[in-house]
Amino acid sequence: MLINIVPIGNSKGIRIPKAILDQCDIENEVDLEVENGKIIIEPIKR
């Protein structure tokens, strides 16, 4: 899936489609890491 990077103030961000958020059970917070040049976004396990 191709997603555009958008400006958010002085930063940049992405919009994650609702279907993906629902599929991954993501609401408000995620864990963000960089591994081997890749951005990894994972739901917070509570």
PDB file of N, CA and C in Angstrom:
ATOM      1  N   MET A   1       0.856  -1.174   0.000  1.00  0.00           N
ATOM      2  CA  MET A   1       0.000   0.000   0.000  1.00  0.00           C
ATOM      3  C   MET A   1       0.899   1.234   0.000  1.00  0.00           C
ATOM      4  N   LEU A   2       0.615   2.150  -0.869  1.00  0.00           N
ATOM      5  CA  LEU A   2       1.362   3.400  -0.954  1.00  0.00           C
ATOM      6  C   LEU A   2       0.634   4.469  -0.152  1.00  0.00           C
ATOM      7  N   ILE A   3       1.352   5.104   0.781  1.00  0.00           N
ATOM      8  CA  ILE A   3       0.772   6.157   1.616  1.00  0.00           C
ATOM      9  C   ILE A   3       1.679   7.375   1.532  1.00  0.00           C
ATOM     10  N   ASN A   4       1.088   8.543   1.375  1.00  0.00           N
ATOM     11  CA  ASN A   4       1.866   9.775   1.307  1.00  0.00           C
ATOM     12  C   ASN A   4       2.283  10.242   2.691  1.00  0.00           C
ATOM     13  N   ILE A   5       3.466  10.839   2.765  1.00  0.00           N
ATOM     14  CA  ILE A   5       3.938  11.490   3.985  1.00  0.00           C
ATOM     15  C   ILE A   5       3.435  12.927   3.922  1.00  0.00           C
ATOM     16  N   VAL A   6       2.814  13.386   5.023  1.00  0.00           N
ATOM     17  CA  VAL A   6       2.198  14.713   5.037  1.00  0.00           C
ATOM     18  C   VAL A   6       2.832  15.583   6.120  1.00  0.00           C
ATOM     19  N   PRO A   7       2.877  16.901   5.893  1.00  0.00           N
ATOM     20  CA  PRO A   7       3.409  17.788   6.930  1.00  0.00           C
ATOM     21  C   PRO A   7       2.446  17.903   8.106  1.00  0.00           C
ATOM     22  N   ILE A   8       3.004  17.868   9.325  1.00  0.00           N
ATOM     23  CA  ILE A   8       2.247  18.085  10.555  1.00  0.00           C
ATOM     24  C   ILE A   8       3.087  19.041  11.392  1.00  0.00           C
ATOM     25  N   GLY A   9       2.787  20.332  11.306  1.00  0.00           N
ATOM     26  CA  GLY A   9       3.618  21.326  11.993  1.00  0.00           C
ATOM     27  C   GLY A   9       5.029  21.277  11.438  1.00  0.00           C
ATOM     28  N   ASN A  10       6.030  21.157  12.326  1.00  0.00           N
ATOM     29  CA  ASN A  10       7.429  21.062  11.895  1.00  0.00           C
ATOM     30  C   ASN A  10       7.858  19.621  11.641  1.00  0.00           C
ATOM     31  N   SER A  11       6.928  18.685  11.770  1.00  0.00           N
ATOM     32  CA  SER A  11       7.231  17.263  11.586  1.00  0.00           C
ATOM     33  C   SER A  11       6.546  16.748  10.331  1.00  0.00           C
ATOM     34  N   LYS A  12       6.635  15.459  10.119  1.00  0.00           N
ATOM     35  CA  LYS A  12       5.937  14.785   9.023  1.00  0.00           C
ATOM     36  C   LYS A  12       5.204  13.594   9.617  1.00  0.00           C
ATOM     37  N   GLY A  13       4.156  13.132   8.947  1.00  0.00           N
ATOM     38  CA  GLY A  13       3.390  12.003   9.460  1.00  0.00           C
ATOM     39  C   GLY A  13       2.727  11.242   8.336  1.00  0.00           C
ATOM     40  N   ILE A  14       2.056  10.165   8.717  1.00  0.00           N
ATOM     41  CA  ILE A  14       1.272   9.385   7.761  1.00  0.00           C
ATOM     42  C   ILE A  14      -0.134   9.220   8.314  1.00  0.00           C
ATOM     43  N   ARG A  15      -1.080   9.036   7.422  1.00  0.00           N
ATOM     44  CA  ARG A  15      -2.453   8.718   7.815  1.00  0.00           C
ATOM     45  C   ARG A  15      -2.628   7.219   7.623  1.00  0.00           C
ATOM     46  N   ILE A  16      -3.028   6.551   8.698  1.00  0.00           N
ATOM     47  CA  ILE A  16      -3.232   5.108   8.629  1.00  0.00           C
ATOM     48  C   ILE A  16      -4.728   4.859   8.434  1.00  0.00           C
ATOM     49  N   PRO A  17      -5.105   4.151   7.374  1.00  0.00           N
ATOM     50  CA  PRO A  17      -6.525   3.913   7.118  1.00  0.00           C
ATOM     51  C   PRO A  17      -7.210   3.201   8.289  1.00  0.00           C
ATOM     52  N   LYS A  18      -8.477   3.557   8.538  1.00  0.00           N
ATOM     53  CA  LYS A  18      -9.251   3.001   9.650  1.00  0.00           C
ATOM     54  C   LYS A  18      -9.312   1.479   9.586  1.00  0.00           C
ATOM     55  N   ALA A  19      -9.426   0.922   8.399  1.00  0.00           N
ATOM     56  CA  ALA A  19      -9.495  -0.535   8.263  1.00  0.00           C
ATOM     57  C   ALA A  19      -8.241  -1.203   8.831  1.00  0.00           C
ATOM     58  N   ILE A  20      -7.082  -0.603   8.626  1.00  0.00           N
ATOM     59  CA  ILE A  20      -5.837  -1.157   9.160  1.00  0.00           C
ATOM     60  C   ILE A  20      -5.790  -0.977  10.669  1.00  0.00           C
ATOM     61  N   LEU A  21      -6.202   0.182  11.163  1.00  0.00           N
ATOM     62  CA  LEU A  21      -6.240   0.411  12.613  1.00  0.00           C
ATOM     63  C   LEU A  21      -7.160  -0.597  13.289  1.00  0.00           C
ATOM     64  N   ASP A  22      -8.322  -0.843  12.698  1.00  0.00           N
ATOM     65  CA  ASP A  22      -9.266  -1.816  13.255  1.00  0.00           C
ATOM     66  C   ASP A  22      -8.691  -3.230  13.227  1.00  0.00           C
ATOM     67  N   GLN A  23      -8.067  -3.589  12.118  1.00  0.00           N
ATOM     68  CA  GLN A  23      -7.504  -4.929  11.965  1.00  0.00           C
ATOM     69  C   GLN A  23      -6.405  -5.188  12.995  1.00  0.00           C
ATOM     70  N   CYS A  24      -5.641  -4.153  13.346  1.00  0.00           N
ATOM     71  CA  CYS A  24      -4.540  -4.294  14.307  1.00  0.00           C
ATOM     72  C   CYS A  24      -4.955  -3.924  15.723  1.00  0.00           C
ATOM     73  N   ASP A  25      -6.221  -3.581  15.922  1.00  0.00           N
ATOM     74  CA  ASP A  25      -6.757  -3.195  17.232  1.00  0.00           C
ATOM     75  C   ASP A  25      -5.974  -2.024  17.827  1.00  0.00           C
ATOM     76  N   ILE A  26      -5.729  -1.005  17.001  1.00  0.00           N
ATOM     77  CA  ILE A  26      -5.006   0.196  17.421  1.00  0.00           C
ATOM     78  C   ILE A  26      -6.012   1.305  17.665  1.00  0.00           C
ATOM     79  N   GLU A  27      -5.894   1.964  18.835  1.00  0.00           N
ATOM     80  CA  GLU A  27      -6.790   3.072  19.159  1.00  0.00           C
ATOM     81  C   GLU A  27      -6.032   4.400  19.190  1.00  0.00           C
ATOM     82  N   ASN A  28      -5.233   4.646  20.238  1.00  0.00           N
ATOM     83  CA  ASN A  28      -4.600   5.957  20.392  1.00  0.00           C
ATOM     84  C   ASN A  28      -3.080   5.938  20.412  1.00  0.00           C
ATOM     85  N   GLU A  29      -2.482   4.866  20.923  1.00  0.00           N
ATOM     86  CA  GLU A  29      -1.031   4.828  21.060  1.00  0.00           C
ATOM     87  C   GLU A  29      -0.465   3.591  20.371  1.00  0.00           C
ATOM     88  N   VAL A  30       0.774   3.732  19.883  1.00  0.00           N
ATOM     89  CA  VAL A  30       1.495   2.616  19.278  1.00  0.00           C
ATOM     90  C   VAL A  30       2.935   2.641  19.771  1.00  0.00           C
ATOM     91  N   ASP A  31       3.624   1.527  19.587  1.00  0.00           N
ATOM     92  CA  ASP A  31       5.053   1.442  19.847  1.00  0.00           C
ATOM     93  C   ASP A  31       5.750   1.652  18.510  1.00  0.00           C
ATOM     94  N   LEU A  32       6.710   2.575  18.464  1.00  0.00           N
ATOM     95  CA  LEU A  32       7.399   2.926  17.220  1.00  0.00           C
ATOM     96  C   LEU A  32       8.876   2.614  17.373  1.00  0.00           C
ATOM     97  N   GLU A  33       9.429   1.827  16.441  1.00  0.00           N
ATOM     98  CA  GLU A  33      10.841   1.456  16.464  1.00  0.00           C
ATOM     99  C   GLU A  33      11.405   1.538  15.052  1.00  0.00           C
ATOM    100  N   VAL A  34      12.724   1.622  14.968  1.00  0.00           N
ATOM    101  CA  VAL A  34      13.412   1.536  13.688  1.00  0.00           C
ATOM    102  C   VAL A  34      14.333   0.321  13.755  1.00  0.00           C
ATOM    103  N   GLU A  35      14.174  -0.599  12.798  1.00  0.00           N
ATOM    104  CA  GLU A  35      15.005  -1.800  12.722  1.00  0.00           C
ATOM    105  C   GLU A  35      15.502  -1.973  11.296  1.00  0.00           C
ATOM    106  N   ASN A  36      16.806  -2.023  11.145  1.00  0.00           N
ATOM    107  CA  ASN A  36      17.418  -2.250   9.825  1.00  0.00           C
ATOM    108  C   ASN A  36      16.862  -1.303   8.766  1.00  0.00           C
ATOM    109  N   GLY A  37      16.700  -0.029   9.121  1.00  0.00           N
ATOM    110  CA  GLY A  37      16.228   0.968   8.168  1.00  0.00           C
ATOM    111  C   GLY A  37      14.736   0.930   7.892  1.00  0.00           C
ATOM    112  N   LYS A  38      13.980   0.160   8.679  1.00  0.00           N
ATOM    113  CA  LYS A  38      12.530   0.082   8.503  1.00  0.00           C
ATOM    114  C   LYS A  38      11.839   0.633   9.739  1.00  0.00           C
ATOM    115  N   ILE A  39      10.725   1.312   9.526  1.00  0.00           N
ATOM    116  CA  ILE A  39       9.909   1.821  10.625  1.00  0.00           C
ATOM    117  C   ILE A  39       8.909   0.731  11.002  1.00  0.00           C
ATOM    118  N   ILE A  40       8.914   0.342  12.271  1.00  0.00           N
ATOM    119  CA  ILE A  40       8.017  -0.698  12.773  1.00  0.00           C
ATOM    120  C   ILE A  40       7.005  -0.038  13.707  1.00  0.00           C
ATOM    121  N   ILE A  41       5.724  -0.177  13.396  1.00  0.00           N
ATOM    122  CA  ILE A  41       4.647   0.365  14.229  1.00  0.00           C
ATOM    123  C   ILE A  41       3.848  -0.820  14.755  1.00  0.00           C
ATOM    124  N   GLU A  42       3.768  -0.940  16.096  1.00  0.00           N
ATOM    125  CA  GLU A  42       3.041  -2.054  16.701  1.00  0.00           C
ATOM    126  C   GLU A  42       2.051  -1.534  17.728  1.00  0.00           C
ATOM    127  N   PRO A  43       0.910  -2.234  17.865  1.00  0.00           N
ATOM    128  CA  PRO A  43      -0.047  -1.831  18.900  1.00  0.00           C
ATOM    129  C   PRO A  43       0.566  -2.016  20.283  1.00  0.00           C
ATOM    130  N   ILE A  44       0.141  -1.180  21.231  1.00  0.00           N
ATOM    131  CA  ILE A  44       0.554  -1.332  22.621  1.00  0.00           C
ATOM    132  C   ILE A  44      -0.187  -2.538  23.184  1.00  0.00           C
ATOM    133  N   LYS A  45       0.550  -3.472  23.739  1.00  0.00           N
ATOM    134  CA  LYS A  45      -0.071  -4.670  24.322  1.00  0.00           C
ATOM    135  C   LYS A  45      -0.421  -4.373  25.767  1.00  0.00           C
ATOM    136  N   ARG A  46      -1.695  -4.315  26.067  1.00  0.00           N
ATOM    137  CA  ARG A  46      -2.149  -4.001  27.435  1.00  0.00           C
ATOM    138  C   ARG A  46      -2.803  -5.198  28.049  1.00  0.00           C
TER     139      ARG A  46
END
